[in-house]
Amino acid sequence: MNENVYKTHEMRLLNRNILSLTGIKKIINFDNEEFLLSSQMGNIQVKGTGLEILLLDTDKGDLKIKGKIDGILYMNSKKENKESLFTKLFKWYRQKFNYVVG
């Protein structure tokens, strides 16, 4: 795919049955119940039933999915989630036990 083509990311859901996306870098994984996509704005998880690809244009980064869409979720990378969780736990520990570093 040409990285310069998709500078924007857009999502359009029609009647919970047709999902049109732009700015898709790649399809990481998919089956009839879940799609995992990489986009300009991060990874996207699409869940539903009877999901299938209607259109895929890898040059433009366009994707159209057909089926009953139950949910769409933007996901952070695993590293970001672990750092965020660690930071939250550390702050909680410091507050709970009045722990002072230094």
PDB file of N, CA and C in Angstrom:
ATOM      1  N   MET A   1       0.831  -1.185   0.000  1.00  0.00           N
ATOM      2  CA  MET A   1       0.000   0.000   0.000  1.00  0.00           C
ATOM      3  C   MET A   1       0.874   1.246   0.000  1.00  0.00           C
ATOM      4  N   ASN A   2       0.400   2.270  -0.632  1.00  0.00           N
ATOM      5  CA  ASN A   2       1.102   3.541  -0.675  1.00  0.00           C
ATOM      6  C   ASN A   2       0.777   4.335   0.587  1.00  0.00           C
ATOM      7  N   GLU A   3       1.763   4.546   1.446  1.00  0.00           N
ATOM      8  CA  GLU A   3       1.557   5.206   2.742  1.00  0.00           C
ATOM      9  C   GLU A   3       1.088   6.647   2.604  1.00  0.00           C
ATOM     10  N   ASN A   4       1.389   7.305   1.487  1.00  0.00           N
ATOM     11  CA  ASN A   4       1.039   8.703   1.311  1.00  0.00           C
ATOM     12  C   ASN A   4      -0.407   8.911   0.893  1.00  0.00           C
ATOM     13  N   VAL A   5      -1.090   7.885   0.439  1.00  0.00           N
ATOM     14  CA  VAL A   5      -2.436   8.032  -0.091  1.00  0.00           C
ATOM     15  C   VAL A   5      -3.444   8.377   0.992  1.00  0.00           C
ATOM     16  N   TYR A   6      -3.430   7.648   2.117  1.00  0.00           N
ATOM     17  CA  TYR A   6      -4.452   7.868   3.130  1.00  0.00           C
ATOM     18  C   TYR A   6      -3.913   8.715   4.269  1.00  0.00           C
ATOM     19  N   LYS A   7      -4.264   9.980   4.227  1.00  0.00           N
ATOM     20  CA  LYS A   7      -3.859  10.903   5.283  1.00  0.00           C
ATOM     21  C   LYS A   7      -4.984  11.124   6.281  1.00  0.00           C
ATOM     22  N   THR A   8      -6.192  10.698   5.928  1.00  0.00           N
ATOM     23  CA  THR A   8      -7.328  10.830   6.832  1.00  0.00           C
ATOM     24  C   THR A   8      -7.934   9.460   7.086  1.00  0.00           C
ATOM     25  N   HIS A   9      -8.712   9.400   8.145  1.00  0.00           N
ATOM     26  CA  HIS A   9      -9.408   8.172   8.500  1.00  0.00           C
ATOM     27  C   HIS A   9     -10.870   8.524   8.688  1.00  0.00           C
ATOM     28  N   GLU A  10     -11.742   7.775   8.042  1.00  0.00           N
ATOM     29  CA  GLU A  10     -13.174   8.048   8.128  1.00  0.00           C
ATOM     30  C   GLU A  10     -13.924   6.740   8.299  1.00  0.00           C
ATOM     31  N   MET A  11     -15.028   6.809   9.055  1.00  0.00           N
ATOM     32  CA  MET A  11     -15.849   5.639   9.291  1.00  0.00           C
ATOM     33  C   MET A  11     -17.306   6.023   9.071  1.00  0.00           C
ATOM     34  N   ARG A  12     -18.029   5.162   8.379  1.00  0.00           N
ATOM     35  CA  ARG A  12     -19.457   5.407   8.133  1.00  0.00           C
ATOM     36  C   ARG A  12     -20.198   4.088   8.327  1.00  0.00           C
ATOM     37  N   LEU A  13     -21.209   4.113   9.199  1.00  0.00           N
ATOM     38  CA  LEU A  13     -22.003   2.920   9.477  1.00  0.00           C
ATOM     39  C   LEU A  13     -23.422   3.168   9.005  1.00  0.00           C
ATOM     40  N   LEU A  14     -23.923   2.303   8.127  1.00  0.00           N
ATOM     41  CA  LEU A  14     -25.257   2.443   7.569  1.00  0.00           C
ATOM     42  C   LEU A  14     -26.143   1.315   8.099  1.00  0.00           C
ATOM     43  N   ASN A  15     -27.149   1.685   8.882  1.00  0.00           N
ATOM     44  CA  ASN A  15     -28.136   0.733   9.411  1.00  0.00           C
ATOM     45  C   ASN A  15     -27.528  -0.467  10.131  1.00  0.00           C
ATOM     46  N   ARG A  16     -26.378  -0.284  10.733  1.00  0.00           N
ATOM     47  CA  ARG A  16     -25.666  -1.352  11.450  1.00  0.00           C
ATOM     48  C   ARG A  16     -25.359  -2.554  10.571  1.00  0.00           C
ATOM     49  N   ASN A  17     -25.449  -2.385   9.245  1.00  0.00           N
ATOM     50  CA  ASN A  17     -25.228  -3.511   8.333  1.00  0.00           C
ATOM     51  C   ASN A  17     -24.059  -3.316   7.379  1.00  0.00           C
ATOM     52  N   ILE A  18     -23.720  -2.083   7.085  1.00  0.00           N
ATOM     53  CA  ILE A  18     -22.612  -1.826   6.169  1.00  0.00           C
ATOM     54  C   ILE A  18     -21.691  -0.787   6.798  1.00  0.00           C
ATOM     55  N   LEU A  19     -20.433  -1.170   6.981  1.00  0.00           N
ATOM     56  CA  LEU A  19     -19.426  -0.292   7.583  1.00  0.00           C
ATOM     57  C   LEU A  19     -18.398   0.051   6.510  1.00  0.00           C
ATOM     58  N   SER A  20     -18.260   1.341   6.223  1.00  0.00           N
ATOM     59  CA  SER A  20     -17.271   1.815   5.257  1.00  0.00           C
ATOM     60  C   SER A  20     -16.158   2.524   6.010  1.00  0.00           C
ATOM     61  N   LEU A  21     -14.916   2.182   5.707  1.00  0.00           N
ATOM     62  CA  LEU A  21     -13.761   2.754   6.381  1.00  0.00           C
ATOM     63  C   LEU A  21     -12.748   3.243   5.356  1.00  0.00           C
ATOM     64  N   THR A  22     -12.086   4.351   5.673  1.00  0.00           N
ATOM     65  CA  THR A  22     -10.946   4.811   4.884  1.00  0.00           C
ATOM     66  C   THR A  22      -9.760   4.942   5.833  1.00  0.00           C
ATOM     67  N   GLY A  23      -8.565   5.028   5.280  1.00  0.00           N
ATOM     68  CA  GLY A  23      -7.369   5.149   6.103  1.00  0.00           C
ATOM     69  C   GLY A  23      -6.944   3.842   6.737  1.00  0.00           C
ATOM     70  N   ILE A  24      -7.353   2.724   6.148  1.00  0.00           N
ATOM     71  CA  ILE A  24      -6.989   1.412   6.669  1.00  0.00           C
ATOM     72  C   ILE A  24      -5.634   1.010   6.107  1.00  0.00           C
ATOM     73  N   LYS A  25      -4.698   0.733   6.991  1.00  0.00           N
ATOM     74  CA  LYS A  25      -3.359   0.317   6.565  1.00  0.00           C
ATOM     75  C   LYS A  25      -3.326  -1.157   6.208  1.00  0.00           C
ATOM     76  N   LYS A  26      -3.957  -1.999   7.059  1.00  0.00           N
ATOM     77  CA  LYS A  26      -4.000  -3.424   6.758  1.00  0.00           C
ATOM     78  C   LYS A  26      -5.054  -4.116   7.611  1.00  0.00           C
ATOM     79  N   ILE A  27      -5.469  -5.277   7.129  1.00  0.00           N
ATOM     80  CA  ILE A  27      -6.342  -6.152   7.906  1.00  0.00           C
ATOM     81  C   ILE A  27      -5.427  -7.127   8.640  1.00  0.00           C
ATOM     82  N   ILE A  28      -5.427  -7.044   9.955  1.00  0.00           N
ATOM     83  CA  ILE A  28      -4.552  -7.892  10.773  1.00  0.00           C
ATOM     84  C   ILE A  28      -5.124  -9.304  10.843  1.00  0.00           C
ATOM     85  N   ASN A  29      -6.435  -9.395  11.063  1.00  0.00           N
ATOM     86  CA  ASN A  29      -7.094 -10.685  11.192  1.00  0.00           C
ATOM     87  C   ASN A  29      -8.585 -10.486  10.982  1.00  0.00           C
ATOM     88  N   PHE A  30      -9.281 -11.509  10.473  1.00  0.00           N
ATOM     89  CA  PHE A  30     -10.722 -11.407  10.355  1.00  0.00           C
ATOM     90  C   PHE A  30     -11.368 -12.782  10.227  1.00  0.00           C
ATOM     91  N   ASP A  31     -12.621 -12.842  10.663  1.00  0.00           N
ATOM     92  CA  ASP A  31     -13.493 -13.985  10.417  1.00  0.00           C
ATOM     93  C   ASP A  31     -14.918 -13.437  10.365  1.00  0.00           C
ATOM     94  N   ASN A  32     -15.919 -14.295  10.401  1.00  0.00           N
ATOM     95  CA  ASN A  32     -17.293 -13.800  10.247  1.00  0.00           C
ATOM     96  C   ASN A  32     -17.860 -13.153  11.509  1.00  0.00           C
ATOM     97  N   GLU A  33     -17.080 -13.118  12.602  1.00  0.00           N
ATOM     98  CA  GLU A  33     -17.537 -12.479  13.834  1.00  0.00           C
ATOM     99  C   GLU A  33     -16.663 -11.318  14.292  1.00  0.00           C
ATOM    100  N   GLU A  34     -15.470 -11.168  13.715  1.00  0.00           N
ATOM    101  CA  GLU A  34     -14.562 -10.117  14.185  1.00  0.00           C
ATOM    102  C   GLU A  34     -13.538  -9.744  13.111  1.00  0.00           C
ATOM    103  N   PHE A  35     -13.301  -8.453  12.991  1.00  0.00           N
ATOM    104  CA  PHE A  35     -12.233  -7.921  12.149  1.00  0.00           C
ATOM    105  C   PHE A  35     -11.277  -7.162  13.053  1.00  0.00           C
ATOM    106  N   LEU A  36      -9.985  -7.319  12.861  1.00  0.00           N
ATOM    107  CA  LEU A  36      -8.981  -6.528  13.552  1.00  0.00           C
ATOM    108  C   LEU A  36      -8.183  -5.799  12.475  1.00  0.00           C
ATOM    109  N   LEU A  37      -8.234  -4.464  12.514  1.00  0.00           N
ATOM    110  CA  LEU A  37      -7.687  -3.619  11.462  1.00  0.00           C
ATOM    111  C   LEU A  37      -6.641  -2.664  12.016  1.00  0.00           C
ATOM    112  N   SER A  38      -5.706  -2.290  11.174  1.00  0.00           N
ATOM    113  CA  SER A  38      -4.739  -1.252  11.500  1.00  0.00           C
ATOM    114  C   SER A  38      -5.092  -0.033  10.662  1.00  0.00           C
ATOM    115  N   SER A  39      -5.264   1.124  11.325  1.00  0.00           N
ATOM    116  CA  SER A  39      -5.666   2.346  10.626  1.00  0.00           C
ATOM    117  C   SER A  39      -4.733   3.500  10.975  1.00  0.00           C
ATOM    118  N   GLN A  40      -4.978   4.628  10.343  1.00  0.00           N
ATOM    119  CA  GLN A  40      -4.241   5.854  10.632  1.00  0.00           C
ATOM    120  C   GLN A  40      -4.367   6.250  12.104  1.00  0.00           C
ATOM    121  N   MET A  41      -5.482   5.910  12.736  1.00  0.00           N
ATOM    122  CA  MET A  41      -5.771   6.324  14.104  1.00  0.00           C
ATOM    123  C   MET A  41      -5.562   5.212  15.130  1.00  0.00           C
ATOM    124  N   GLY A  42      -4.898   4.145  14.744  1.00  0.00           N
ATOM    125  CA  GLY A  42      -4.661   3.029  15.649  1.00  0.00           C
ATOM    126  C   GLY A  42      -5.418   1.794  15.208  1.00  0.00           C
ATOM    127  N   ASN A  43      -5.334   0.747  16.002  1.00  0.00           N
ATOM    128  CA  ASN A  43      -6.016  -0.500  15.673  1.00  0.00           C
ATOM    129  C   ASN A  43      -7.502  -0.390  15.969  1.00  0.00           C
ATOM    130  N   ILE A  44      -8.300  -1.074  15.145  1.00  0.00           N
ATOM    131  CA  ILE A  44      -9.754  -1.049  15.278  1.00  0.00           C
ATOM    132  C   ILE A  44     -10.247  -2.485  15.342  1.00  0.00           C
ATOM    133  N   GLN A  45     -11.143  -2.749  16.293  1.00  0.00           N
ATOM    134  CA  GLN A  45     -11.781  -4.052  16.398  1.00  0.00           C
ATOM    135  C   GLN A  45     -13.251  -3.874  16.027  1.00  0.00           C
ATOM    136  N   VAL A  46     -13.728  -4.662  15.074  1.00  0.00           N
ATOM    137  CA  VAL A  46     -15.128  -4.643  14.664  1.00  0.00           C
ATOM    138  C   VAL A  46     -15.709  -6.009  15.004  1.00  0.00           C
ATOM    139  N   LYS A  47     -16.787  -6.024  15.797  1.00  0.00           N
ATOM    140  CA  LYS A  47     -17.428  -7.288  16.180  1.00  0.00           C
ATOM    141  C   LYS A  47     -18.845  -7.315  15.628  1.00  0.00           C
ATOM    142  N   GLY A  48     -19.300  -8.525  15.302  1.00  0.00           N
ATOM    143  CA  GLY A  48     -20.644  -8.687  14.782  1.00  0.00           C
ATOM    144  C   GLY A  48     -20.903 -10.118  14.392  1.00  0.00           C
ATOM    145  N   THR A  49     -21.924 -10.313  13.554  1.00  0.00           N
ATOM    146  CA  THR A  49     -22.254 -11.647  13.048  1.00  0.00           C
ATOM    147  C   THR A  49     -22.407 -11.578  11.544  1.00  0.00           C
ATOM    148  N   GLY A  50     -21.994 -12.618  10.877  1.00  0.00           N
ATOM    149  CA  GLY A  50     -22.093 -12.691   9.428  1.00  0.00           C
ATOM    150  C   GLY A  50     -21.257 -11.645   8.711  1.00  0.00           C
ATOM    151  N   LEU A  51     -20.115 -11.281   9.295  1.00  0.00           N
ATOM    152  CA  LEU A  51     -19.277 -10.236   8.711  1.00  0.00           C
ATOM    153  C   LEU A  51     -18.516 -10.768   7.498  1.00  0.00           C
ATOM    154  N   GLU A  52     -18.475  -9.949   6.456  1.00  0.00           N
ATOM    155  CA  GLU A  52     -17.722 -10.298   5.258  1.00  0.00           C
ATOM    156  C   GLU A  52     -17.255  -9.029   4.555  1.00  0.00           C
ATOM    157  N   ILE A  53     -16.217  -9.161   3.762  1.00  0.00           N
ATOM    158  CA  ILE A  53     -15.654  -8.030   3.024  1.00  0.00           C
ATOM    159  C   ILE A  53     -16.469  -7.800   1.759  1.00  0.00           C
ATOM    160  N   LEU A  54     -16.979  -6.572   1.613  1.00  0.00           N
ATOM    161  CA  LEU A  54     -17.665  -6.184   0.384  1.00  0.00           C
ATOM    162  C   LEU A  54     -16.701  -5.536  -0.597  1.00  0.00           C
ATOM    163  N   LEU A  55     -15.780  -4.712  -0.057  1.00  0.00           N
ATOM    164  CA  LEU A  55     -14.838  -3.977  -0.894  1.00  0.00           C
ATOM    165  C   LEU A  55     -13.511  -3.860  -0.147  1.00  0.00           C
ATOM    166  N   LEU A  56     -12.435  -4.056  -0.869  1.00  0.00           N
ATOM    167  CA  LEU A  56     -11.105  -3.863  -0.307  1.00  0.00           C
ATOM    168  C   LEU A  56     -10.227  -3.236  -1.380  1.00  0.00           C
ATOM    169  N   ASP A  57      -9.770  -2.018  -1.119  1.00  0.00           N
ATOM    170  CA  ASP A  57      -8.854  -1.321  -2.026  1.00  0.00           C
ATOM    171  C   ASP A  57      -7.584  -1.015  -1.236  1.00  0.00           C
ATOM    172  N   THR A  58      -6.574  -1.846  -1.401  1.00  0.00           N
ATOM    173  CA  THR A  58      -5.351  -1.703  -0.620  1.00  0.00           C
ATOM    174  C   THR A  58      -4.537  -0.481  -1.028  1.00  0.00           C
ATOM    175  N   ASP A  59      -4.684  -0.019  -2.262  1.00  0.00           N
ATOM    176  CA  ASP A  59      -3.956   1.172  -2.700  1.00  0.00           C
ATOM    177  C   ASP A  59      -4.486   2.437  -2.039  1.00  0.00           C
ATOM    178  N   LYS A  60      -5.798   2.533  -1.896  1.00  0.00           N
ATOM    179  CA  LYS A  60      -6.410   3.721  -1.291  1.00  0.00           C
ATOM    180  C   LYS A  60      -6.638   3.579   0.209  1.00  0.00           C
ATOM    181  N   GLY A  61      -6.612   2.342   0.713  1.00  0.00           N
ATOM    182  CA  GLY A  61      -6.876   2.113   2.134  1.00  0.00           C
ATOM    183  C   GLY A  61      -8.353   2.078   2.457  1.00  0.00           C
ATOM    184  N   ASP A  62      -9.190   1.710   1.472  1.00  0.00           N
ATOM    185  CA  ASP A  62     -10.643   1.650   1.670  1.00  0.00           C
ATOM    186  C   ASP A  62     -11.085   0.225   1.967  1.00  0.00           C
ATOM    187  N   LEU A  63     -12.047   0.095   2.884  1.00  0.00           N
ATOM    188  CA  LEU A  63     -12.597  -1.206   3.247  1.00  0.00           C
ATOM    189  C   LEU A  63     -14.087  -1.040   3.511  1.00  0.00           C
ATOM    190  N   LYS A  64     -14.869  -1.978   3.028  1.00  0.00           N
ATOM    191  CA  LYS A  64     -16.306  -1.996   3.301  1.00  0.00           C
ATOM    192  C   LYS A  64     -16.651  -3.382   3.815  1.00  0.00           C
ATOM    193  N   ILE A  65     -17.308  -3.426   4.982  1.00  0.00           N
ATOM    194  CA  ILE A  65     -17.683  -4.675   5.643  1.00  0.00           C
ATOM    195  C   ILE A  65     -19.199  -4.773   5.696  1.00  0.00           C
ATOM    196  N   LYS A  66     -19.721  -5.961   5.389  1.00  0.00           N
ATOM    197  CA  LYS A  66     -21.164  -6.221   5.418  1.00  0.00           C
ATOM    198  C   LYS A  66     -21.448  -7.228   6.522  1.00  0.00           C
ATOM    199  N   GLY A  67     -22.582  -7.075   7.203  1.00  0.00           N
ATOM    200  CA  GLY A  67     -23.008  -7.987   8.260  1.00  0.00           C
ATOM    201  C   GLY A  67     -23.626  -7.190   9.391  1.00  0.00           C
ATOM    202  N   LYS A  68     -24.090  -7.862  10.433  1.00  0.00           N
ATOM    203  CA  LYS A  68     -24.656  -7.167  11.584  1.00  0.00           C
ATOM    204  C   LYS A  68     -23.510  -6.694  12.477  1.00  0.00           C
ATOM    205  N   ILE A  69     -23.330  -5.387  12.563  1.00  0.00           N
ATOM    206  CA  ILE A  69     -22.251  -4.794  13.365  1.00  0.00           C
ATOM    207  C   ILE A  69     -22.751  -4.629  14.802  1.00  0.00           C
ATOM    208  N   ASP A  70     -22.069  -5.280  15.741  1.00  0.00           N
ATOM    209  CA  ASP A  70     -22.431  -5.179  17.157  1.00  0.00           C
ATOM    210  C   ASP A  70     -21.562  -4.193  17.923  1.00  0.00           C
ATOM    211  N   GLY A  71     -20.335  -3.968  17.453  1.00  0.00           N
ATOM    212  CA  GLY A  71     -19.463  -3.052  18.178  1.00  0.00           C
ATOM    213  C   GLY A  71     -18.226  -2.679  17.391  1.00  0.00           C
ATOM    214  N   ILE A  72     -17.753  -1.469  17.659  1.00  0.00           N
ATOM    215  CA  ILE A  72     -16.527  -0.957  17.048  1.00  0.00           C
ATOM    216  C   ILE A  72     -15.692  -0.369  18.173  1.00  0.00           C
ATOM    217  N   LEU A  73     -14.415  -0.757  18.239  1.00  0.00           N
ATOM    218  CA  LEU A  73     -13.562  -0.318  19.333  1.00  0.00           C
ATOM    219  C   LEU A  73     -12.191   0.066  18.800  1.00  0.00           C
ATOM    220  N   TYR A  74     -11.734   1.259  19.157  1.00  0.00           N
ATOM    221  CA  TYR A  74     -10.348   1.654  18.875  1.00  0.00           C
ATOM    222  C   TYR A  74      -9.496   1.120  20.010  1.00  0.00           C
ATOM    223  N   MET A  75      -8.406   0.464  19.658  1.00  0.00           N
ATOM    224  CA  MET A  75      -7.576  -0.189  20.657  1.00  0.00           C
ATOM    225  C   MET A  75      -6.191   0.441  20.695  1.00  0.00           C
ATOM    226  N   ASN A  76      -5.652   0.603  21.911  1.00  0.00           N
ATOM    227  CA  ASN A  76      -4.271   1.041  22.070  1.00  0.00           C
ATOM    228  C   ASN A  76      -3.369  -0.165  21.903  1.00  0.00           C
ATOM    229  N   SER A  77      -2.092   0.114  21.691  1.00  0.00           N
ATOM    230  CA  SER A  77      -1.146  -0.991  21.605  1.00  0.00           C
ATOM    231  C   SER A  77      -0.997  -1.632  22.974  1.00  0.00           C
ATOM    232  N   LYS A  78      -0.534  -2.878  23.019  1.00  0.00           N
ATOM    233  CA  LYS A  78      -0.361  -3.588  24.287  1.00  0.00           C
ATOM    234  C   LYS A  78       0.627  -2.872  25.195  1.00  0.00           C
ATOM    235  N   LYS A  79       1.684  -2.295  24.627  1.00  0.00           N
ATOM    236  CA  LYS A  79       2.684  -1.595  25.424  1.00  0.00           C
ATOM    237  C   LYS A  79       2.062  -0.397  26.136  1.00  0.00           C
ATOM    238  N   GLU A  80       1.238   0.376  25.415  1.00  0.00           N
ATOM    239  CA  GLU A  80       0.588   1.535  26.027  1.00  0.00           C
ATOM    240  C   GLU A  80      -0.337   1.092  27.143  1.00  0.00           C
ATOM    241  N   ASN A  81      -1.105   0.007  26.946  1.00  0.00           N
ATOM    242  CA  ASN A  81      -2.018  -0.470  27.973  1.00  0.00           C
ATOM    243  C   ASN A  81      -1.265  -0.907  29.225  1.00  0.00           C
ATOM    244  N   LYS A  82      -0.148  -1.624  29.073  1.00  0.00           N
ATOM    245  CA  LYS A  82       0.619  -2.076  30.217  1.00  0.00           C
ATOM    246  C   LYS A  82       1.213  -0.897  30.973  1.00  0.00           C
ATOM    247  N   GLU A  83       1.754   0.079  30.268  1.00  0.00           N
ATOM    248  CA  GLU A  83       2.326   1.247  30.934  1.00  0.00           C
ATOM    249  C   GLU A  83       1.245   2.007  31.684  1.00  0.00           C
ATOM    250  N   SER A  84       0.096   2.153  31.083  1.00  0.00           N
ATOM    251  CA  SER A  84      -0.990   2.873  31.714  1.00  0.00           C
ATOM    252  C   SER A  84      -1.464   2.143  32.970  1.00  0.00           C
ATOM    253  N   LEU A  85      -1.619   0.844  32.885  1.00  0.00           N
ATOM    254  CA  LEU A  85      -2.047   0.057  34.028  1.00  0.00           C
ATOM    255  C   LEU A  85      -1.006   0.121  35.144  1.00  0.00           C
ATOM    256  N   PHE A  86       0.276  -0.007  34.794  1.00  0.00           N
ATOM    257  CA  PHE A  86       1.343   0.059  35.779  1.00  0.00           C
ATOM    258  C   PHE A  86       1.341   1.423  36.482  1.00  0.00           C
ATOM    259  N   THR A  87       1.196   2.477  35.707  1.00  0.00           N
ATOM    260  CA  THR A  87       1.172   3.823  36.282  1.00  0.00           C
ATOM    261  C   THR A  87       0.014   3.976  37.251  1.00  0.00           C
ATOM    262  N   LYS A  88      -1.160   3.481  36.859  1.00  0.00           N
ATOM    263  CA  LYS A  88      -2.333   3.573  37.734  1.00  0.00           C
ATOM    264  C   LYS A  88      -2.130   2.779  39.017  1.00  0.00           C
ATOM    265  N   LEU A  89      -1.579   1.577  38.907  1.00  0.00           N
ATOM    266  CA  LEU A  89      -1.338   0.759  40.098  1.00  0.00           C
ATOM    267  C   LEU A  89      -0.319   1.406  41.029  1.00  0.00           C
ATOM    268  N   PHE A  90       0.727   1.989  40.453  1.00  0.00           N
ATOM    269  CA  PHE A  90       1.749   2.641  41.253  1.00  0.00           C
ATOM    270  C   PHE A  90       1.158   3.838  42.008  1.00  0.00           C
ATOM    271  N   LYS A  91       0.344   4.636  41.333  1.00  0.00           N
ATOM    272  CA  LYS A  91      -0.291   5.781  41.990  1.00  0.00           C
ATOM    273  C   LYS A  91      -1.224   5.320  43.102  1.00  0.00           C
ATOM    274  N   TRP A  92      -1.988   4.246  42.825  1.00  0.00           N
ATOM    275  CA  TRP A  92      -2.890   3.715  43.840  1.00  0.00           C
ATOM    276  C   TRP A  92      -2.101   3.240  45.054  1.00  0.00           C
ATOM    277  N   TYR A  93      -0.996   2.518  44.823  1.00  0.00           N
ATOM    278  CA  TYR A  93      -0.163   2.008  45.907  1.00  0.00           C
ATOM    279  C   TYR A  93       0.398   3.156  46.740  1.00  0.00           C
ATOM    280  N   ARG A  94       0.879   4.201  46.050  1.00  0.00           N
ATOM    281  CA  ARG A  94       1.438   5.354  46.774  1.00  0.00           C
ATOM    282  C   ARG A  94       0.383   6.011  47.649  1.00  0.00           C
ATOM    283  N   GLN A  95      -0.826   6.162  47.133  1.00  0.00           N
ATOM    284  CA  GLN A  95      -1.892   6.796  47.910  1.00  0.00           C
ATOM    285  C   GLN A  95      -2.339   5.907  49.062  1.00  0.00           C
ATOM    286  N   LYS A  96      -2.488   4.633  48.796  1.00  0.00           N
ATOM    287  CA  LYS A  96      -3.000   3.700  49.805  1.00  0.00           C
ATOM    288  C   LYS A  96      -2.057   3.539  50.978  1.00  0.00           C
ATOM    289  N   PHE A  97      -0.763   3.472  50.706  1.00  0.00           N
ATOM    290  CA  PHE A  97       0.213   3.185  51.745  1.00  0.00           C
ATOM    291  C   PHE A  97       1.113   4.375  52.053  1.00  0.00           C
ATOM    292  N   ASN A  98       0.774   5.546  51.551  1.00  0.00           N
ATOM    293  CA  ASN A  98       1.569   6.759  51.767  1.00  0.00           C
ATOM    294  C   ASN A  98       3.045   6.536  51.476  1.00  0.00           C
ATOM    295  N   TYR A  99       3.302   5.825  50.390  1.00  0.00           N
ATOM    296  CA  TYR A  99       4.662   5.502  49.983  1.00  0.00           C
ATOM    297  C   TYR A  99       5.277   6.695  49.278  1.00  0.00           C
ATOM    298  N   VAL A 100       6.456   7.105  49.717  1.00  0.00           N
ATOM    299  CA  VAL A 100       7.158   8.233  49.126  1.00  0.00           C
ATOM    300  C   VAL A 100       8.464   7.715  48.536  1.00  0.00           C
ATOM    301  N   VAL A 101       8.707   8.080  47.287  1.00  0.00           N
ATOM    302  CA  VAL A 101       9.935   7.665  46.596  1.00  0.00           C
ATOM    303  C   VAL A 101      11.049   8.609  46.998  1.00  0.00           C
ATOM    304  N   GLY A 102      12.226   8.053  47.359  1.00  0.00           N
ATOM    305  CA  GLY A 102      13.379   8.903  47.628  1.00  0.00           C
ATOM    306  C   GLY A 102      13.819   8.886  49.000  1.00  0.00           C
TER     307      GLY A 102
END
